Amino acid sequence: MKIRAIAYLTAVLGVAAFNTQANTLFDELDLNKDGFISEVEAGANSKVAEVFQELDTNEDAQISKDEFAAFEG
């Protein structure tokens, strides 16, 4: 039982760390802090800029946190 609890806790902490890392990159790119990454803002990261059109799934010319999370996941 203890091993199962430790494994679960390790998995939860790993996901939390991944989400923090993803949020950090999103927050770094969201220069004007409006909750979205514009194509200009995405230009600060070559990988994100390269796939901007794919990330912008609703084609509103910006990437939301949900769209970005799907990319990171």
Protein backbone atom coordinates (compact mmCIF):
# COMPACT_ATOMS: atom_id res chain seq x y z
CA MET A 1 0.00 0.00 0.00
CA LYS A 2 2.84 2.39 0.84
CA ILE A 3 4.51 1.74 -2.50
CA ARG A 4 1.28 2.50 -4.36
CA ALA A 5 0.89 5.78 -2.47
CA ILE A 6 4.49 6.75 -3.23
CA ALA A 7 4.04 5.91 -6.92
CA TYR A 8 0.85 7.96 -7.08
CA LEU A 9 2.46 10.92 -5.33
CA THR A 10 5.44 10.75 -7.68
CA ALA A 11 3.14 10.77 -10.71
CA VAL A 12 1.13 13.73 -9.35
CA LEU A 13 4.28 15.72 -8.62
CA GLY A 14 5.64 14.94 -12.08
CA VAL A 15 2.48 16.25 -13.74
CA ALA A 16 2.53 19.34 -11.52
CA ALA A 17 6.14 20.02 -12.45
CA PHE A 18 5.34 19.60 -16.15
CA ASN A 19 2.37 21.97 -15.90
CA THR A 20 4.51 24.53 -14.09
CA GLN A 21 7.13 24.31 -16.83
CA ALA A 22 4.49 24.70 -19.55
CA ASN A 23 2.90 27.65 -17.74
CA THR A 24 6.30 29.24 -17.34
CA LEU A 25 7.00 29.09 -21.09
CA PHE A 26 3.49 30.33 -21.87
CA ASP A 27 3.89 33.17 -19.39
CA GLU A 28 7.32 34.06 -20.80
CA LEU A 29 5.90 34.29 -24.32
CA ASP A 30 2.76 36.19 -23.29
CA LEU A 31 4.63 39.49 -23.12
CA ASN A 32 1.59 41.73 -22.70
CA LYS A 33 0.02 39.36 -20.15
CA ASP A 34 -3.35 39.21 -21.88
CA GLY A 35 -3.62 35.42 -21.52
CA PHE A 36 -2.81 34.72 -25.17
CA ILE A 37 0.29 34.38 -27.32
CA SER A 38 0.16 36.38 -30.52
CA GLU A 39 2.14 35.43 -33.59
CA VAL A 40 4.57 38.27 -32.83
CA GLU A 41 5.03 37.04 -29.25
CA ALA A 42 5.49 33.46 -30.48
CA GLY A 43 8.42 34.70 -32.58
CA ALA A 44 10.52 34.75 -29.40
CA ASN A 45 10.58 30.93 -29.46
CA SER A 46 11.51 29.30 -32.77
CA LYS A 47 9.68 26.04 -32.02
CA VAL A 48 6.44 27.77 -31.07
CA ALA A 49 6.72 30.17 -34.01
CA GLU A 50 7.24 27.24 -36.38
CA VAL A 51 4.00 25.53 -35.31
CA PHE A 52 1.95 28.64 -34.54
CA GLN A 53 -0.72 27.90 -37.17
CA GLU A 54 -1.13 24.33 -35.88
CA LEU A 55 -1.42 25.51 -32.29
CA ASP A 56 -4.04 28.11 -33.14
CA THR A 57 -6.75 25.49 -33.54
CA ASN A 58 -9.65 27.96 -33.51
CA GLU A 59 -7.86 30.22 -36.01
CA ASP A 60 -8.24 33.43 -34.02
CA ALA A 61 -4.61 34.51 -34.61
CA GLN A 62 -3.59 33.82 -31.02
CA ILE A 63 -2.76 30.83 -28.84
CA SER A 64 -4.73 30.34 -25.64
CA LYS A 65 -3.43 28.50 -22.59
CA ASP A 66 -5.60 25.50 -23.53
CA GLU A 67 -4.23 25.42 -27.07
CA PHE A 68 -0.70 25.73 -25.73
CA ALA A 69 -1.27 22.99 -23.15
CA ALA A 70 -2.38 20.62 -25.93
CA PHE A 71 0.91 21.37 -27.71
CA GLU A 72 2.96 20.75 -24.58
CA GLY A 73 1.04 17.56 -23.79
